[in-house]
Amino acid sequence: MSRTTLDLKGLICPLPVLRANKALRALEFGDEIEVLATDQAAPSDFVAFCAAAGHELVSSVEDDGVYVFVVRKVGGAASPGAPGR
């Protein structure tokens, strides 16, 4: 299992989720991305994205205006054609 960090601070909705989705597509199942974002909509966006795509939102924390999300690419949970597959 590997972990990639994406620094997406300063980007606004929907760019953090779109960039995370693109990065996840290049990863193997079980790999994780750590996303750094400052958009206040990001927490709810990542919850919705992971639910729709079938990925696991491992953690979501906020530290001094920076949101840190860890998303694990999950295989077989998302429907065919869903983002991240």
Protein backbone atom coordinates (compact mmCIF):
# COMPACT_ATOMS: atom_id res chain seq x y z
CA MET A 1 0.00 0.00 0.00
CA SER A 2 1.33 3.43 -0.91
CA ARG A 3 0.27 6.95 0.03
CA THR A 4 0.42 10.02 -2.22
CA THR A 5 -0.01 13.56 -0.94
CA LEU A 6 -1.86 16.18 -2.97
CA ASP A 7 -1.48 19.81 -1.91
CA LEU A 8 -4.67 21.39 -3.23
CA LYS A 9 -4.74 24.38 -0.90
CA GLY A 10 -6.22 27.47 -2.52
CA LEU A 11 -8.40 25.55 -4.99
CA ILE A 12 -12.16 25.89 -4.71
CA CYS A 13 -15.03 23.47 -5.29
CA PRO A 14 -15.12 21.25 -7.29
CA LEU A 15 -11.38 21.20 -8.08
CA PRO A 16 -10.12 19.41 -4.92
CA VAL A 17 -12.45 16.46 -5.49
CA LEU A 18 -11.80 16.38 -9.24
CA ARG A 19 -8.02 16.35 -8.74
CA ALA A 20 -8.31 13.69 -6.03
CA ASN A 21 -10.45 11.54 -8.31
CA LYS A 22 -7.87 11.83 -11.11
CA ALA A 23 -5.07 10.86 -8.73
CA LEU A 24 -7.04 7.87 -7.40
CA ARG A 25 -7.53 6.50 -10.90
CA ALA A 26 -3.77 6.07 -11.26
CA LEU A 27 -3.45 4.14 -7.98
CA GLU A 28 -3.86 0.48 -7.13
CA PHE A 29 -6.70 -0.74 -4.93
CA GLY A 30 -5.74 -0.25 -1.29
CA ASP A 31 -3.48 2.74 -2.00
CA GLU A 32 -4.26 6.03 -0.28
CA ILE A 33 -4.10 9.71 -1.08
CA GLU A 34 -3.71 12.44 1.50
CA VAL A 35 -5.37 15.63 0.33
CA LEU A 36 -4.62 19.08 1.77
CA ALA A 37 -7.37 21.60 1.02
CA THR A 38 -8.55 24.99 2.26
CA ASP A 39 -11.99 25.17 0.63
CA GLN A 40 -14.67 25.23 3.33
CA ALA A 41 -16.89 23.01 1.17
CA ALA A 42 -14.23 20.28 0.99
CA PRO A 43 -15.34 18.26 4.07
CA SER A 44 -18.86 17.68 2.74
CA ASP A 45 -17.56 17.30 -0.83
CA PHE A 46 -15.19 14.48 0.16
CA VAL A 47 -17.86 12.67 2.17
CA ALA A 48 -20.20 12.77 -0.84
CA PHE A 49 -17.44 11.85 -3.30
CA CYS A 50 -16.33 8.81 -1.31
CA ALA A 51 -19.92 7.63 -0.84
CA ALA A 52 -20.67 7.97 -4.55
CA ALA A 53 -17.38 6.49 -5.81
CA GLY A 54 -17.16 3.70 -3.23
CA HIS A 55 -13.82 4.80 -1.77
CA GLU A 56 -13.09 4.86 1.96
CA LEU A 57 -12.68 8.21 3.70
CA VAL A 58 -10.11 7.04 6.25
CA SER A 59 -9.81 10.37 8.04
CA SER A 60 -10.91 13.98 7.82
CA VAL A 61 -9.38 16.60 10.10
CA GLU A 62 -9.04 20.37 10.13
CA ASP A 63 -5.97 22.18 11.46
CA ASP A 64 -5.83 25.99 11.37
CA GLY A 65 -7.94 26.27 8.21
CA VAL A 66 -6.31 23.37 6.36
CA TYR A 67 -8.40 20.26 5.87
CA VAL A 68 -6.53 16.97 5.63
CA PHE A 69 -8.34 14.02 4.08
CA VAL A 70 -7.04 10.48 3.67
CA VAL A 71 -8.90 8.49 1.02
CA ARG A 72 -8.29 4.80 0.33
CA LYS A 73 -9.02 3.42 -3.12
CA VAL A 74 -11.43 0.53 -2.70
CA GLY A 75 -12.03 -2.10 -5.33
CA GLY A 76 -15.36 -3.63 -6.15
CA ALA A 77 -17.49 -1.27 -4.04
CA ALA A 78 -18.33 1.30 -6.69
CA SER A 79 -20.74 0.65 -9.50
CA PRO A 80 -19.33 0.23 -13.02
CA GLY A 81 -18.43 3.56 -14.56
CA ALA A 82 -18.34 5.38 -11.24
CA PRO A 83 -15.47 7.82 -10.65
CA GLY A 84 -12.35 6.12 -9.40
CA ARG A 85 -12.81 2.81 -11.18
